């Protein structure tokens, strides 16, 4: 663990922090820069994280179309909002915002994948047709970011078993998995089913149902 920790500390630099008022709470926003790519990654924190109690946590990979443009093709924007609301309700927690658009393939390739999906491919097939892995995200940056806050154990908001496995491999204790099931609708129903069937996402308890006539 010590060797890996020493290596991971060279992955990102902490830069600065500021307050960030949101509709749910006033968070503290922390900026990090990745050495290898120059990408800027963020952490949003609330409350005292130094108590030793595992904080409520979300690892959120950037989704410009969902987070900013309100796309209903995925559940990303709703998960981001839902996670911040849950942290605010508890008064303590952390959200890491990693710049890994399109499960790590980038924005333009994600739009190419969307086009393939419109032609009949599912979200996994589209990535594979473009020559990428079904999920190309890397969570190595999580280690130095959490170490910056002195966090060793978390209550992780996720439906994705790969995130739990990644955190465990990085040496962190996932004390609890907190489901984050939001915004199932007529446009993303197939996408969510594919995540469950092909990527092993834990979609129980059942996500919100699609209402008759819902668009």
N, C-alpha and C. Protein backbone atom coordinates (compact mmCIF):
# COMPACT_ATOMS: atom_id res chain seq x y z
N UNK A 1 0.84 -1.21 0.00
CA UNK A 1 0.00 0.00 0.00
C UNK A 1 0.86 1.25 0.00
N UNK A 2 1.96 1.23 0.74
CA UNK A 2 2.79 2.42 0.82
C UNK A 2 3.44 2.74 -0.53
N UNK A 3 3.93 1.70 -1.22
CA UNK A 3 4.53 1.94 -2.52
C UNK A 3 3.51 2.49 -3.51
N UNK A 4 2.32 1.85 -3.52
CA UNK A 4 1.27 2.32 -4.41
C UNK A 4 0.84 3.74 -4.06
N UNK A 5 0.77 4.04 -2.77
CA UNK A 5 0.37 5.38 -2.34
C UNK A 5 1.39 6.41 -2.78
N UNK A 6 2.67 6.06 -2.67
CA UNK A 6 3.70 7.00 -3.09
C UNK A 6 3.63 7.26 -4.58
N UNK A 7 3.36 6.19 -5.35
CA UNK A 7 3.25 6.37 -6.80
C UNK A 7 2.03 7.19 -7.16
N UNK A 8 0.89 6.95 -6.49
CA UNK A 8 -0.34 7.65 -6.83
C UNK A 8 -0.27 9.13 -6.48
N UNK A 9 0.56 9.47 -5.50
CA UNK A 9 0.65 10.89 -5.11
C UNK A 9 1.21 11.75 -6.22
N UNK A 10 1.84 11.11 -7.21
CA UNK A 10 2.39 11.85 -8.34
C UNK A 10 1.40 11.99 -9.50
N UNK A 11 0.19 11.48 -9.33
CA UNK A 11 -0.79 11.50 -10.42
C UNK A 11 -1.47 12.85 -10.56
N UNK A 12 -1.75 13.51 -9.44
CA UNK A 12 -2.46 14.79 -9.48
C UNK A 12 -1.85 15.77 -8.49
N UNK A 13 -2.06 17.04 -8.76
CA UNK A 13 -1.70 18.09 -7.81
C UNK A 13 -2.97 18.77 -7.33
N UNK A 14 -3.06 18.97 -6.02
CA UNK A 14 -4.12 19.82 -5.49
C UNK A 14 -3.75 21.26 -5.80
N UNK A 15 -4.72 22.07 -6.23
CA UNK A 15 -4.44 23.45 -6.64
C UNK A 15 -5.05 24.46 -5.67
N UNK A 16 -6.36 24.43 -5.50
CA UNK A 16 -7.00 25.44 -4.65
C UNK A 16 -8.43 25.01 -4.33
N UNK A 17 -9.09 25.77 -3.45
CA UNK A 17 -10.47 25.48 -3.05
C UNK A 17 -11.26 26.79 -2.94
N UNK A 18 -12.58 26.67 -3.00
CA UNK A 18 -13.46 27.82 -2.79
C UNK A 18 -14.81 27.30 -2.32
N UNK A 19 -15.66 28.18 -1.82
CA UNK A 19 -17.02 27.79 -1.47
C UNK A 19 -17.86 27.74 -2.73
N UNK A 20 -18.85 26.84 -2.74
CA UNK A 20 -19.74 26.70 -3.89
C UNK A 20 -21.17 26.54 -3.38
N UNK A 21 -21.94 27.63 -3.34
CA UNK A 21 -23.33 27.51 -2.93
C UNK A 21 -24.15 26.81 -4.01
N UNK A 22 -24.97 25.86 -3.61
CA UNK A 22 -25.85 25.14 -4.53
C UNK A 22 -27.27 25.23 -3.98
N UNK A 23 -28.27 24.75 -4.73
CA UNK A 23 -29.64 24.79 -4.20
C UNK A 23 -29.83 23.95 -2.94
N UNK A 24 -28.87 23.05 -2.63
CA UNK A 24 -29.07 22.10 -1.53
C UNK A 24 -28.17 22.36 -0.34
N UNK A 25 -27.00 22.93 -0.57
CA UNK A 25 -26.06 23.22 0.52
C UNK A 25 -24.92 24.05 -0.04
N UNK A 26 -24.14 24.64 0.86
CA UNK A 26 -22.92 25.33 0.44
C UNK A 26 -21.75 24.36 0.58
N UNK A 27 -21.30 23.86 -0.55
CA UNK A 27 -20.20 22.91 -0.58
C UNK A 27 -18.87 23.67 -0.65
N UNK A 28 -17.77 22.93 -0.46
CA UNK A 28 -16.44 23.45 -0.78
C UNK A 28 -15.97 22.73 -2.03
N UNK A 29 -15.53 23.50 -3.02
CA UNK A 29 -15.08 22.97 -4.30
C UNK A 29 -13.56 22.97 -4.33
N UNK A 30 -12.96 21.81 -4.63
CA UNK A 30 -11.51 21.64 -4.63
C UNK A 30 -11.05 21.27 -6.04
N UNK A 31 -9.98 21.91 -6.50
CA UNK A 31 -9.46 21.68 -7.85
C UNK A 31 -8.16 20.88 -7.81
N UNK A 32 -8.08 19.89 -8.69
CA UNK A 32 -6.88 19.07 -8.86
C UNK A 32 -6.52 19.05 -10.35
N UNK A 33 -5.23 18.93 -10.65
CA UNK A 33 -4.77 18.83 -12.03
C UNK A 33 -4.00 17.53 -12.21
N UNK A 34 -4.38 16.77 -13.23
CA UNK A 34 -3.74 15.49 -13.53
C UNK A 34 -2.44 15.72 -14.28
N UNK A 35 -1.36 15.12 -13.79
CA UNK A 35 -0.05 15.34 -14.39
C UNK A 35 0.01 14.90 -15.84
N UNK A 36 -0.45 13.70 -16.12
CA UNK A 36 -0.23 13.09 -17.43
C UNK A 36 -0.98 13.80 -18.55
N UNK A 37 -2.15 14.34 -18.24
CA UNK A 37 -3.01 14.90 -19.29
C UNK A 37 -3.29 16.39 -19.15
N UNK A 38 -3.04 16.95 -17.97
CA UNK A 38 -3.42 18.34 -17.71
C UNK A 38 -4.90 18.51 -17.45
N UNK A 39 -5.66 17.42 -17.38
CA UNK A 39 -7.09 17.53 -17.11
C UNK A 39 -7.33 18.02 -15.69
N UNK A 40 -8.39 18.78 -15.55
CA UNK A 40 -8.76 19.35 -14.26
C UNK A 40 -9.90 18.54 -13.67
N UNK A 41 -9.68 17.98 -12.49
CA UNK A 41 -10.68 17.17 -11.79
C UNK A 41 -11.11 17.90 -10.53
N UNK A 42 -12.30 17.57 -10.04
CA UNK A 42 -12.88 18.32 -8.93
C UNK A 42 -13.33 17.41 -7.81
N UNK A 43 -13.35 17.97 -6.61
CA UNK A 43 -14.00 17.34 -5.46
C UNK A 43 -14.93 18.36 -4.84
N UNK A 44 -16.12 17.91 -4.45
CA UNK A 44 -17.05 18.75 -3.71
C UNK A 44 -17.22 18.11 -2.34
N UNK A 45 -16.97 18.87 -1.29
CA UNK A 45 -17.05 18.32 0.06
C UNK A 45 -18.03 19.13 0.91
N UNK A 46 -18.55 18.45 1.92
CA UNK A 46 -19.47 19.09 2.85
C UNK A 46 -19.23 18.50 4.24
N UNK A 47 -19.11 19.33 5.24
CA UNK A 47 -18.96 18.87 6.61
C UNK A 47 -17.54 18.47 6.95
N UNK A 48 -17.39 17.92 8.14
CA UNK A 48 -16.08 17.53 8.67
C UNK A 48 -15.76 16.10 8.22
N UNK A 49 -14.75 15.96 7.37
CA UNK A 49 -14.37 14.65 6.85
C UNK A 49 -13.25 14.01 7.68
N UNK A 50 -12.84 14.65 8.75
CA UNK A 50 -11.70 14.17 9.52
C UNK A 50 -12.11 13.37 10.75
N UNK A 51 -13.40 13.02 10.87
CA UNK A 51 -13.86 12.33 12.08
C UNK A 51 -13.50 10.85 12.11
N UNK A 52 -13.12 10.28 10.96
CA UNK A 52 -12.84 8.86 10.88
C UNK A 52 -14.03 8.03 10.48
N UNK A 53 -15.25 8.62 10.55
CA UNK A 53 -16.44 7.92 10.10
C UNK A 53 -16.51 7.96 8.57
N UNK A 54 -16.83 6.83 7.92
CA UNK A 54 -16.88 6.81 6.46
C UNK A 54 -17.90 7.81 5.93
N UNK A 55 -17.49 8.78 5.12
CA UNK A 55 -18.44 9.75 4.58
C UNK A 55 -19.23 9.17 3.42
N UNK A 56 -20.41 9.73 3.18
CA UNK A 56 -21.18 9.41 2.00
C UNK A 56 -20.41 9.96 0.79
N UNK A 57 -20.25 9.13 -0.25
CA UNK A 57 -19.37 9.51 -1.35
C UNK A 57 -19.96 9.08 -2.69
N UNK A 58 -19.69 9.88 -3.71
CA UNK A 58 -20.02 9.54 -5.10
C UNK A 58 -18.79 9.79 -5.96
N UNK A 59 -18.43 8.83 -6.80
CA UNK A 59 -17.45 9.05 -7.86
C UNK A 59 -18.25 9.28 -9.13
N UNK A 60 -18.21 10.48 -9.68
CA UNK A 60 -19.04 10.83 -10.83
C UNK A 60 -18.14 11.18 -12.01
N UNK A 61 -18.28 10.41 -13.09
CA UNK A 61 -17.52 10.71 -14.30
C UNK A 61 -18.30 11.72 -15.15
N UNK A 62 -17.59 12.69 -15.65
CA UNK A 62 -18.20 13.78 -16.42
C UNK A 62 -19.12 13.26 -17.52
N UNK A 63 -20.29 13.86 -17.63
CA UNK A 63 -21.22 13.60 -18.73
C UNK A 63 -21.82 14.94 -19.14
N UNK A 64 -21.18 15.59 -20.09
CA UNK A 64 -21.62 16.93 -20.48
C UNK A 64 -23.07 16.92 -20.94
N UNK A 65 -23.44 15.93 -21.73
CA UNK A 65 -24.81 15.91 -22.25
C UNK A 65 -25.83 15.70 -21.15
N UNK A 66 -25.50 14.87 -20.17
CA UNK A 66 -26.45 14.63 -19.08
C UNK A 66 -26.37 15.64 -17.97
N UNK A 67 -25.14 16.01 -17.56
CA UNK A 67 -24.95 16.90 -16.42
C UNK A 67 -25.33 18.34 -16.74
N UNK A 68 -25.07 18.77 -18.00
CA UNK A 68 -25.24 20.18 -18.36
C UNK A 68 -26.42 20.39 -19.31
N UNK A 69 -26.60 19.46 -20.27
CA UNK A 69 -27.61 19.65 -21.31
C UNK A 69 -28.90 18.90 -21.03
N UNK A 70 -29.00 18.26 -19.86
CA UNK A 70 -30.23 17.62 -19.39
C UNK A 70 -30.68 16.46 -20.27
N UNK A 71 -29.73 15.77 -20.93
CA UNK A 71 -30.07 14.64 -21.76
C UNK A 71 -30.82 13.58 -20.96
N UNK A 72 -31.84 13.02 -21.57
CA UNK A 72 -32.60 11.93 -20.97
C UNK A 72 -32.16 10.56 -21.50
N UNK A 73 -31.09 10.54 -22.31
CA UNK A 73 -30.58 9.28 -22.84
C UNK A 73 -29.85 8.47 -21.77
N UNK A 74 -29.47 9.12 -20.68
CA UNK A 74 -28.75 8.44 -19.60
C UNK A 74 -29.35 8.88 -18.26
N UNK A 75 -28.76 8.39 -17.18
CA UNK A 75 -29.22 8.80 -15.85
C UNK A 75 -28.16 9.64 -15.13
N UNK A 76 -27.14 10.12 -15.88
CA UNK A 76 -25.98 10.75 -15.26
C UNK A 76 -26.31 12.05 -14.54
N UNK A 77 -27.01 12.95 -15.22
CA UNK A 77 -27.35 14.22 -14.60
C UNK A 77 -28.20 14.04 -13.37
N UNK A 78 -29.15 13.11 -13.45
CA UNK A 78 -30.02 12.85 -12.30
C UNK A 78 -29.23 12.23 -11.15
N UNK A 79 -28.23 11.39 -11.47
CA UNK A 79 -27.40 10.81 -10.43
C UNK A 79 -26.54 11.88 -9.75
N UNK A 80 -26.01 12.81 -10.54
CA UNK A 80 -25.21 13.90 -9.98
C UNK A 80 -26.06 14.72 -9.00
N UNK A 81 -27.24 15.12 -9.45
CA UNK A 81 -28.12 15.91 -8.58
C UNK A 81 -28.55 15.10 -7.36
N UNK A 82 -28.90 13.84 -7.59
CA UNK A 82 -29.34 13.00 -6.48
C UNK A 82 -28.27 12.80 -5.43
N UNK A 83 -27.02 12.64 -5.89
CA UNK A 83 -25.91 12.45 -4.95
C UNK A 83 -25.68 13.70 -4.11
N UNK A 84 -25.71 14.86 -4.75
CA UNK A 84 -25.51 16.10 -4.00
C UNK A 84 -26.64 16.33 -3.00
N UNK A 85 -27.85 15.98 -3.38
CA UNK A 85 -28.98 16.12 -2.45
C UNK A 85 -28.81 15.20 -1.24
N UNK A 86 -28.36 13.97 -1.48
CA UNK A 86 -28.18 13.03 -0.38
C UNK A 86 -27.08 13.52 0.57
N UNK A 87 -25.97 14.01 0.00
CA UNK A 87 -24.88 14.53 0.83
C UNK A 87 -25.38 15.73 1.64
N UNK A 88 -26.12 16.61 0.98
CA UNK A 88 -26.65 17.79 1.68
C UNK A 88 -27.59 17.38 2.81
N UNK A 89 -28.42 16.37 2.57
CA UNK A 89 -29.37 15.94 3.59
C UNK A 89 -28.64 15.38 4.82
N UNK A 90 -27.50 14.73 4.59
CA UNK A 90 -26.73 14.20 5.72
C UNK A 90 -25.83 15.24 6.35
N UNK A 91 -25.52 16.30 5.60
CA UNK A 91 -24.65 17.36 6.11
C UNK A 91 -23.18 17.01 6.06
N UNK A 92 -22.82 15.92 5.36
CA UNK A 92 -21.43 15.48 5.34
C UNK A 92 -21.22 14.51 4.19
N UNK A 93 -20.16 14.73 3.40
CA UNK A 93 -19.87 13.80 2.32
C UNK A 93 -18.94 14.42 1.30
N UNK A 94 -18.67 13.64 0.24
CA UNK A 94 -17.74 14.07 -0.80
C UNK A 94 -18.18 13.50 -2.14
N UNK A 95 -18.08 14.33 -3.17
CA UNK A 95 -18.31 13.91 -4.54
C UNK A 95 -17.06 14.21 -5.35
N UNK A 96 -16.51 13.19 -6.01
CA UNK A 96 -15.38 13.38 -6.91
C UNK A 96 -15.92 13.47 -8.33
N UNK A 97 -15.54 14.53 -9.04
CA UNK A 97 -16.00 14.74 -10.42
C UNK A 97 -14.80 14.54 -11.34
N UNK A 98 -14.76 13.38 -12.00
CA UNK A 98 -13.63 13.01 -12.84
C UNK A 98 -13.94 13.29 -14.30
N UNK A 99 -12.97 13.82 -15.01
CA UNK A 99 -13.17 14.20 -16.41
C UNK A 99 -12.97 12.99 -17.31
N UNK A 100 -13.95 12.09 -17.30
CA UNK A 100 -13.90 10.85 -18.07
C UNK A 100 -15.17 10.73 -18.91
N UNK A 101 -15.33 11.64 -19.82
CA UNK A 101 -16.54 11.71 -20.64
C UNK A 101 -16.76 10.42 -21.42
N UNK A 102 -18.02 10.00 -21.50
CA UNK A 102 -18.38 8.87 -22.33
C UNK A 102 -17.76 7.56 -21.91
N UNK A 103 -17.74 7.30 -20.60
CA UNK A 103 -17.06 6.11 -20.06
C UNK A 103 -15.61 6.05 -20.50
N UNK A 104 -15.01 7.23 -20.64
CA UNK A 104 -13.59 7.30 -20.92
C UNK A 104 -13.22 7.45 -22.38
N UNK A 105 -14.20 7.56 -23.30
CA UNK A 105 -13.87 7.62 -24.73
C UNK A 105 -13.88 9.04 -25.28
N UNK A 106 -14.33 10.01 -24.50
CA UNK A 106 -14.34 11.40 -24.94
C UNK A 106 -15.68 11.81 -25.52
N UNK A 107 -15.88 13.13 -25.59
CA UNK A 107 -17.17 13.68 -25.98
C UNK A 107 -17.53 13.37 -27.42
N UNK A 108 -16.61 13.61 -28.36
CA UNK A 108 -16.92 13.39 -29.77
C UNK A 108 -17.21 11.91 -30.03
N UNK A 109 -16.40 11.04 -29.46
CA UNK A 109 -16.66 9.61 -29.64
C UNK A 109 -17.96 9.18 -28.98
N UNK A 110 -18.33 9.83 -27.90
CA UNK A 110 -19.62 9.52 -27.28
C UNK A 110 -20.76 9.87 -28.23
N UNK A 111 -20.64 10.99 -28.92
CA UNK A 111 -21.67 11.37 -29.88
C UNK A 111 -21.70 10.38 -31.04
N UNK A 112 -20.49 9.91 -31.47
CA UNK A 112 -20.45 8.85 -32.49
C UNK A 112 -21.17 7.59 -31.98
N UNK A 113 -20.95 7.26 -30.71
CA UNK A 113 -21.60 6.10 -30.12
C UNK A 113 -23.12 6.30 -30.07
N UNK A 114 -23.56 7.51 -29.77
CA UNK A 114 -24.99 7.79 -29.78
C UNK A 114 -25.58 7.54 -31.16
N UNK A 115 -24.85 7.95 -32.20
CA UNK A 115 -25.33 7.74 -33.57
C UNK A 115 -25.48 6.25 -33.87
N UNK A 116 -24.51 5.44 -33.43
CA UNK A 116 -24.59 4.00 -33.62
C UNK A 116 -25.77 3.42 -32.85
N UNK A 117 -26.04 3.97 -31.67
CA UNK A 117 -27.19 3.50 -30.90
C UNK A 117 -28.49 3.81 -31.63
N UNK A 118 -28.54 4.94 -32.30
CA UNK A 118 -29.74 5.29 -33.06
C UNK A 118 -29.94 4.35 -34.25
N UNK A 119 -28.83 3.71 -34.68
CA UNK A 119 -28.90 2.74 -35.78
C UNK A 119 -29.18 1.33 -35.28
N UNK A 120 -29.30 1.15 -33.95
CA UNK A 120 -29.69 -0.14 -33.42
C UNK A 120 -28.75 -0.78 -32.42
N UNK A 121 -27.53 -0.25 -32.27
CA UNK A 121 -26.59 -0.81 -31.30
C UNK A 121 -26.97 -0.40 -29.89
N UNK A 122 -26.64 -1.26 -28.92
CA UNK A 122 -26.81 -0.81 -27.55
C UNK A 122 -25.54 -0.07 -27.12
N UNK A 123 -25.53 0.44 -25.90
CA UNK A 123 -24.43 1.31 -25.46
C UNK A 123 -23.09 0.57 -25.41
N UNK A 124 -23.11 -0.71 -25.06
CA UNK A 124 -21.87 -1.51 -25.05
C UNK A 124 -21.41 -1.80 -26.47
N UNK A 125 -22.34 -2.25 -27.32
CA UNK A 125 -22.00 -2.56 -28.71
C UNK A 125 -21.43 -1.36 -29.43
N UNK A 126 -22.00 -0.18 -29.17
CA UNK A 126 -21.53 1.03 -29.85
C UNK A 126 -20.08 1.33 -29.51
N UNK A 127 -19.73 1.24 -28.24
CA UNK A 127 -18.33 1.47 -27.85
C UNK A 127 -17.40 0.47 -28.50
N UNK A 128 -17.80 -0.79 -28.53
CA UNK A 128 -16.96 -1.84 -29.12
C UNK A 128 -16.80 -1.62 -30.62
N UNK A 129 -17.87 -1.19 -31.28
CA UNK A 129 -17.79 -0.93 -32.72
C UNK A 129 -16.82 0.21 -33.04
N UNK A 130 -16.67 1.14 -32.10
CA UNK A 130 -15.74 2.26 -32.29
C UNK A 130 -14.31 1.88 -31.90
N UNK A 131 -14.11 0.66 -31.42
CA UNK A 131 -12.77 0.20 -31.07
C UNK A 131 -12.38 0.45 -29.63
N UNK A 132 -13.34 0.72 -28.77
CA UNK A 132 -13.07 0.98 -27.35
C UNK A 132 -13.59 -0.16 -26.49
N UNK A 133 -13.14 -0.18 -25.24
CA UNK A 133 -13.72 -1.09 -24.27
C UNK A 133 -15.14 -0.63 -23.95
N UNK A 134 -15.94 -1.55 -23.44
CA UNK A 134 -17.29 -1.19 -23.04
C UNK A 134 -17.27 -0.09 -21.99
N UNK A 135 -16.28 -0.12 -21.10
CA UNK A 135 -16.11 0.91 -20.08
C UNK A 135 -14.61 1.15 -19.93
N UNK A 136 -14.13 2.29 -20.45
CA UNK A 136 -12.70 2.58 -20.48
C UNK A 136 -12.26 3.50 -19.34
N UNK A 137 -13.10 3.67 -18.33
CA UNK A 137 -12.75 4.58 -17.24
C UNK A 137 -11.66 4.00 -16.34
N UNK A 138 -10.87 4.91 -15.76
CA UNK A 138 -9.80 4.53 -14.85
C UNK A 138 -10.00 5.32 -13.55
N UNK A 139 -9.88 4.63 -12.42
CA UNK A 139 -10.16 5.28 -11.14
C UNK A 139 -8.90 5.48 -10.29
N UNK A 140 -7.72 5.38 -10.90
CA UNK A 140 -6.48 5.54 -10.15
C UNK A 140 -6.38 6.90 -9.46
N UNK A 141 -6.97 7.91 -10.09
CA UNK A 141 -6.88 9.26 -9.52
C UNK A 141 -7.65 9.39 -8.20
N UNK A 142 -8.55 8.46 -7.96
CA UNK A 142 -9.34 8.52 -6.73
C UNK A 142 -8.44 8.42 -5.51
N UNK A 143 -7.38 7.60 -5.59
CA UNK A 143 -6.54 7.39 -4.42
C UNK A 143 -5.91 8.69 -3.91
N UNK A 144 -5.16 9.43 -4.74
CA UNK A 144 -4.57 10.65 -4.19
C UNK A 144 -5.59 11.71 -3.81
N UNK A 145 -6.74 11.73 -4.49
CA UNK A 145 -7.76 12.72 -4.15
C UNK A 145 -8.35 12.42 -2.77
N UNK A 146 -8.66 11.14 -2.50
CA UNK A 146 -9.18 10.81 -1.17
C UNK A 146 -8.11 10.94 -0.10
N UNK A 147 -6.86 10.60 -0.45
CA UNK A 147 -5.78 10.75 0.52
C UNK A 147 -5.59 12.21 0.92
N UNK A 148 -5.85 13.12 -0.01
CA UNK A 148 -5.74 14.55 0.29
C UNK A 148 -6.65 14.93 1.46
N UNK A 149 -7.80 14.25 1.56
CA UNK A 149 -8.76 14.55 2.62
C UNK A 149 -8.63 13.60 3.80
N UNK A 150 -7.66 12.70 3.75
CA UNK A 150 -7.46 11.76 4.85
C UNK A 150 -8.54 10.71 4.97
N UNK A 151 -9.17 10.36 3.87
CA UNK A 151 -10.28 9.41 3.88
C UNK A 151 -9.76 8.00 3.59
N UNK A 152 -10.16 7.04 4.43
CA UNK A 152 -9.75 5.65 4.25
C UNK A 152 -10.92 4.71 4.00
N UNK A 153 -12.12 5.13 4.36
CA UNK A 153 -13.32 4.30 4.19
C UNK A 153 -14.47 5.20 3.77
N UNK A 154 -15.38 4.65 2.94
CA UNK A 154 -16.48 5.45 2.41
C UNK A 154 -17.76 4.65 2.39
N UNK A 155 -18.86 5.37 2.32
CA UNK A 155 -20.17 4.81 1.99
C UNK A 155 -20.45 5.26 0.56
N UNK A 156 -20.34 4.35 -0.37
CA UNK A 156 -20.27 4.70 -1.79
C UNK A 156 -21.65 4.66 -2.44
N UNK A 157 -22.05 5.80 -3.02
CA UNK A 157 -23.28 5.87 -3.80
C UNK A 157 -23.00 5.39 -5.22
N UNK A 158 -23.45 4.19 -5.55
CA UNK A 158 -23.21 3.65 -6.88
C UNK A 158 -24.11 2.46 -7.13
N UNK A 159 -24.34 2.17 -8.41
CA UNK A 159 -24.96 0.93 -8.84
C UNK A 159 -23.94 0.05 -9.56
N UNK A 160 -22.70 0.53 -9.67
CA UNK A 160 -21.68 -0.08 -10.51
C UNK A 160 -20.69 -0.88 -9.67
N UNK A 161 -20.68 -2.21 -9.80
CA UNK A 161 -19.75 -3.02 -9.00
C UNK A 161 -18.28 -2.75 -9.32
N UNK A 162 -18.00 -2.24 -10.52
CA UNK A 162 -16.61 -1.95 -10.88
C UNK A 162 -16.03 -0.83 -10.03
N UNK A 163 -16.86 0.10 -9.62
CA UNK A 163 -16.36 1.16 -8.75
C UNK A 163 -16.03 0.62 -7.37
N UNK A 164 -16.85 -0.29 -6.88
CA UNK A 164 -16.55 -0.92 -5.59
C UNK A 164 -15.25 -1.70 -5.68
N UNK A 165 -15.09 -2.49 -6.75
CA UNK A 165 -13.87 -3.27 -6.93
C UNK A 165 -12.65 -2.35 -7.07
N UNK A 166 -12.80 -1.24 -7.80
CA UNK A 166 -11.68 -0.32 -7.99
C UNK A 166 -11.24 0.28 -6.67
N UNK A 167 -12.19 0.73 -5.86
CA UNK A 167 -11.84 1.32 -4.57
C UNK A 167 -11.18 0.29 -3.65
N UNK A 168 -11.69 -0.92 -3.69
CA UNK A 168 -11.10 -1.98 -2.85
C UNK A 168 -9.67 -2.26 -3.28
N UNK A 169 -9.43 -2.36 -4.58
CA UNK A 169 -8.07 -2.59 -5.09
C UNK A 169 -7.14 -1.44 -4.73
N UNK A 170 -7.68 -0.24 -4.65
CA UNK A 170 -6.87 0.93 -4.29
C UNK A 170 -6.59 1.00 -2.79
N UNK A 171 -7.17 0.10 -2.02
CA UNK A 171 -6.87 0.04 -0.60
C UNK A 171 -7.87 0.72 0.30
N UNK A 172 -9.04 1.09 -0.24
CA UNK A 172 -10.06 1.75 0.57
C UNK A 172 -11.12 0.75 1.01
N UNK A 173 -11.74 1.04 2.12
CA UNK A 173 -12.81 0.22 2.66
C UNK A 173 -14.15 0.80 2.22
N UNK A 174 -14.91 0.01 1.45
CA UNK A 174 -16.27 0.42 1.10
C UNK A 174 -17.19 -0.12 2.18
N UNK A 175 -17.49 0.72 3.15
CA UNK A 175 -18.25 0.28 4.32
C UNK A 175 -19.71 -0.01 3.98
N UNK A 176 -20.21 0.65 2.93
CA UNK A 176 -21.61 0.47 2.54
C UNK A 176 -21.77 0.89 1.10
N UNK A 177 -22.63 0.16 0.35
CA UNK A 177 -23.05 0.63 -0.97
C UNK A 177 -24.42 1.25 -0.83
N UNK A 178 -24.56 2.48 -1.31
CA UNK A 178 -25.83 3.18 -1.26
C UNK A 178 -26.37 3.26 -2.69
N UNK A 179 -27.49 2.59 -2.99
CA UNK A 179 -28.04 2.63 -4.35
C UNK A 179 -28.38 4.05 -4.77
N UNK A 180 -28.26 4.31 -6.07
CA UNK A 180 -28.59 5.63 -6.61
C UNK A 180 -29.37 5.41 -7.90
N UNK A 181 -30.65 5.12 -7.76
CA UNK A 181 -31.51 4.74 -8.88
C UNK A 181 -32.49 5.86 -9.15
N UNK A 182 -32.29 6.55 -10.27
CA UNK A 182 -33.08 7.75 -10.57
C UNK A 182 -33.36 7.84 -12.06
N UNK A 183 -34.46 8.48 -12.39
CA UNK A 183 -34.75 8.95 -13.74
C UNK A 183 -34.78 7.87 -14.81
N UNK A 184 -35.38 6.72 -14.52
CA UNK A 184 -35.65 5.77 -15.61
C UNK A 184 -36.80 6.34 -16.43
N UNK A 185 -36.61 6.43 -17.75
CA UNK A 185 -37.63 7.03 -18.60
C UNK A 185 -37.65 6.33 -19.96
N UNK A 186 -38.53 6.78 -20.81
CA UNK A 186 -38.71 6.12 -22.11
C UNK A 186 -37.47 6.18 -22.98
N UNK A 187 -36.61 7.18 -22.77
CA UNK A 187 -35.43 7.32 -23.62
C UNK A 187 -34.24 6.52 -23.11
N UNK A 188 -34.16 6.26 -21.81
CA UNK A 188 -32.97 5.57 -21.29
C UNK A 188 -33.27 4.18 -20.74
N UNK A 189 -34.49 3.70 -20.94
CA UNK A 189 -34.84 2.40 -20.38
C UNK A 189 -33.92 1.30 -20.92
N UNK A 190 -33.69 1.29 -22.25
CA UNK A 190 -32.80 0.29 -22.84
C UNK A 190 -31.37 0.45 -22.36
N UNK A 191 -30.93 1.68 -22.22
CA UNK A 191 -29.58 1.97 -21.72
C UNK A 191 -29.39 1.41 -20.31
N UNK A 192 -30.36 1.61 -19.44
CA UNK A 192 -30.26 1.10 -18.08
C UNK A 192 -30.32 -0.42 -18.04
N UNK A 193 -31.16 -1.00 -18.90
CA UNK A 193 -31.23 -2.45 -18.97
C UNK A 193 -29.91 -3.05 -19.44
N UNK A 194 -29.25 -2.37 -20.39
CA UNK A 194 -27.96 -2.84 -20.89
C UNK A 194 -26.90 -2.75 -19.80
N UNK A 195 -26.92 -1.68 -19.02
CA UNK A 195 -25.96 -1.56 -17.92
C UNK A 195 -26.13 -2.72 -16.94
N UNK A 196 -27.37 -3.11 -16.71
CA UNK A 196 -27.61 -4.21 -15.80
C UNK A 196 -27.19 -5.54 -16.42
N UNK A 197 -27.57 -5.79 -17.68
CA UNK A 197 -27.36 -7.09 -18.30
C UNK A 197 -25.91 -7.32 -18.71
N UNK A 198 -25.24 -6.28 -19.21
CA UNK A 198 -23.91 -6.47 -19.78
C UNK A 198 -22.77 -5.92 -18.92
N UNK A 199 -23.07 -4.98 -18.04
CA UNK A 199 -22.02 -4.40 -17.20
C UNK A 199 -22.20 -4.74 -15.73
N UNK A 200 -23.26 -5.47 -15.42
CA UNK A 200 -23.44 -5.95 -14.06
C UNK A 200 -23.93 -4.93 -13.06
N UNK A 201 -24.48 -3.81 -13.54
CA UNK A 201 -24.95 -2.80 -12.60
C UNK A 201 -26.09 -3.33 -11.75
N UNK A 202 -26.08 -2.95 -10.50
CA UNK A 202 -27.05 -3.45 -9.53
C UNK A 202 -28.25 -2.53 -9.49
N UNK A 203 -29.25 -2.88 -10.27
CA UNK A 203 -30.41 -2.00 -10.44
C UNK A 203 -31.55 -2.42 -9.53
N UNK A 204 -31.23 -2.83 -8.31
CA UNK A 204 -32.25 -3.16 -7.32
C UNK A 204 -31.95 -2.37 -6.05
N UNK A 205 -32.94 -1.85 -5.34
CA UNK A 205 -34.35 -2.03 -5.66
C UNK A 205 -34.71 -1.42 -7.00
N UNK A 206 -35.87 -1.78 -7.52
CA UNK A 206 -36.24 -1.39 -8.87
C UNK A 206 -36.16 0.12 -9.04
N UNK A 207 -35.65 0.51 -10.22
CA UNK A 207 -35.59 1.94 -10.55
C UNK A 207 -36.99 2.46 -10.79
N UNK A 208 -37.08 3.79 -10.90
CA UNK A 208 -38.38 4.40 -11.13
C UNK A 208 -39.00 3.85 -12.41
N UNK A 209 -40.29 3.47 -12.40
CA UNK A 209 -40.90 2.87 -13.59
C UNK A 209 -41.13 3.91 -14.68
N UNK A 210 -41.22 3.41 -15.92
CA UNK A 210 -41.61 4.26 -17.04
C UNK A 210 -43.12 4.36 -17.04
N UNK A 211 -43.63 5.57 -17.02
CA UNK A 211 -45.07 5.77 -16.99
C UNK A 211 -45.64 5.66 -18.40
N UNK A 212 -46.87 5.20 -18.51
CA UNK A 212 -47.53 5.11 -19.80
C UNK A 212 -47.57 6.49 -20.44
N UNK A 213 -47.11 6.55 -21.69
CA UNK A 213 -47.14 7.82 -22.42
C UNK A 213 -46.02 8.76 -22.05
N UNK A 214 -45.09 8.35 -21.18
CA UNK A 214 -43.99 9.24 -20.77
C UNK A 214 -43.00 9.42 -21.90
N UNK A 215 -42.62 10.65 -22.15
CA UNK A 215 -41.65 10.96 -23.22
C UNK A 215 -40.46 11.69 -22.64
